[in-house]
C-alpha atoms as a PDB file:
ATOM      1  CA  UNK A   1      58.542-155.078 -69.067  1.00  0.00           C
ATOM      2  CA  UNK A   2      58.011-151.969 -66.919  1.00  0.00           C
ATOM      3  CA  UNK A   3      60.122-149.945 -69.339  1.00  0.00           C
ATOM      4  CA  UNK A   4      58.020-151.014 -72.318  1.00  0.00           C
ATOM      5  CA  UNK A   5      54.837-150.109 -70.469  1.00  0.00           C
ATOM      6  CA  UNK A   6      56.176-146.685 -69.485  1.00  0.00           C
ATOM      7  CA  UNK A   7      57.374-145.971 -73.025  1.00  0.00           C
ATOM      8  CA  UNK A   8      54.005-147.037 -74.438  1.00  0.00           C
ATOM      9  CA  UNK A   9      52.114-144.849 -71.969  1.00  0.00           C
ATOM     10  CA  UNK A  10      54.400-141.906 -72.673  1.00  0.00           C
ATOM     11  CA  UNK A  11      54.028-142.211 -76.434  1.00  0.00           C
ATOM     12  CA  UNK A  12      50.263-142.669 -76.270  1.00  0.00           C
ATOM     13  CA  UNK A  13      49.920-139.535 -74.150  1.00  0.00           C
ATOM     14  CA  UNK A  14      51.864-137.615 -76.822  1.00  0.00           C
ATOM     15  CA  UNK A  15      49.302-138.664 -79.428  1.00  0.00           C
ATOM     16  CA  UNK A  16      46.577-136.868 -77.494  1.00  0.00           C
ATOM     17  CA  UNK A  17      48.640-133.799 -76.591  1.00  0.00           C
ATOM     18  CA  UNK A  18      46.875-130.520 -77.261  1.00  0.00           C
ATOM     19  CA  UNK A  19      49.156-127.523 -77.708  1.00  0.00           C
ATOM     20  CA  UNK A  20      48.519-123.969 -78.819  1.00  0.00           C
ATOM     21  CA  UNK A  21      51.236-121.695 -80.197  1.00  0.00           C
ATOM     22  CA  UNK A  22      50.694-117.961 -79.904  1.00  0.00           C
ATOM     23  CA  UNK A  23      53.565-115.854 -81.234  1.00  0.00           C
ATOM     24  CA  UNK A  24      56.566-117.066 -79.158  1.00  0.00           C
ATOM     25  CA  UNK A  25      54.665-118.973 -76.453  1.00  0.00           C
ATOM     26  CA  UNK A  26      53.525-122.598 -76.553  1.00  0.00           C
ATOM     27  CA  UNK A  27      50.745-123.613 -74.151  1.00  0.00           C
ATOM     28  CA  UNK A  28      49.834-127.156 -73.119  1.00  0.00           C
ATOM     29  CA  UNK A  29      46.049-126.905 -73.067  1.00  0.00           C
ATOM     30  CA  UNK A  30      45.723-129.829 -70.654  1.00  0.00           C
ATOM     31  CA  UNK A  31      48.030-128.470 -67.953  1.00  0.00           C
ATOM     32  CA  UNK A  32      48.171-124.758 -68.958  1.00  0.00           C
ATOM     33  CA  UNK A  33      51.983-124.941 -68.692  1.00  0.00           C
ATOM     34  CA  UNK A  34      53.696-122.456 -71.007  1.00  0.00           C
ATOM     35  CA  UNK A  35      57.178-122.180 -72.460  1.00  0.00           C
ATOM     36  CA  UNK A  36      59.163-120.085 -74.907  1.00  0.00           C
ATOM     37  CA  UNK A  37      59.075-121.488 -78.435  1.00  0.00           C
ATOM     38  CA  UNK A  38      62.250-119.991 -79.861  1.00  0.00           C
ATOM     39  CA  UNK A  39      65.730-121.008 -78.791  1.00  0.00           C
ATOM     40  CA  UNK A  40      68.241-118.554 -77.404  1.00  0.00           C
ATOM     41  CA  UNK A  41      70.890-119.929 -79.740  1.00  0.00           C
ATOM     42  CA  UNK A  42      73.824-119.534 -77.393  1.00  0.00           C
ATOM     43  CA  UNK A  43      75.257-120.884 -74.203  1.00  0.00           C
ATOM     44  CA  UNK A  44      75.141-118.865 -70.993  1.00  0.00           C
ATOM     45  CA  UNK A  45      76.529-119.002 -67.527  1.00  0.00           C
ATOM     46  CA  UNK A  46      74.051-119.767 -64.739  1.00  0.00           C
ATOM     47  CA  UNK A  47      74.087-116.129 -63.624  1.00  0.00           C
ATOM     48  CA  UNK A  48      73.498-114.833 -67.160  1.00  0.00           C
ATOM     49  CA  UNK A  49      70.625-117.291 -67.638  1.00  0.00           C
ATOM     50  CA  UNK A  50      68.951-116.075 -64.441  1.00  0.00           C
ATOM     51  CA  UNK A  51      69.321-112.451 -65.523  1.00  0.00           C
ATOM     52  CA  UNK A  52      67.998-113.286 -68.994  1.00  0.00           C
ATOM     53  CA  UNK A  53      64.914-115.009 -67.560  1.00  0.00           C
ATOM     54  CA  UNK A  54      64.234-112.204 -65.073  1.00  0.00           C
ATOM     55  CA  UNK A  55      64.426-109.597 -67.847  1.00  0.00           C
ATOM     56  CA  UNK A  56      62.519-111.684 -70.421  1.00  0.00           C
ATOM     57  CA  UNK A  57      59.213-110.376 -71.753  1.00  0.00           C
ATOM     58  CA  UNK A  58      57.179-112.519 -74.148  1.00  0.00           C
ATOM     59  CA  UNK A  59      53.789-111.482 -75.478  1.00  0.00           C
ATOM     60  CA  UNK A  60      53.048-109.314 -72.465  1.00  0.00           C
ATOM     61  CA  UNK A  61      54.193-111.851 -69.854  1.00  0.00           C
END
């Protein structure tokens, strides 16, 4: 029963989600969390992923 309640709450919160997409950045307007919209398209080692993220520049960020 708890699982059904959690799934229902999770799905209902998705119905009211408010996102904004600007170029390559998606912003959750409720939490102001942001993430990259496009996928890298390849696999990386942990070290390469860290370097990629440190060097990443998206829309002036």
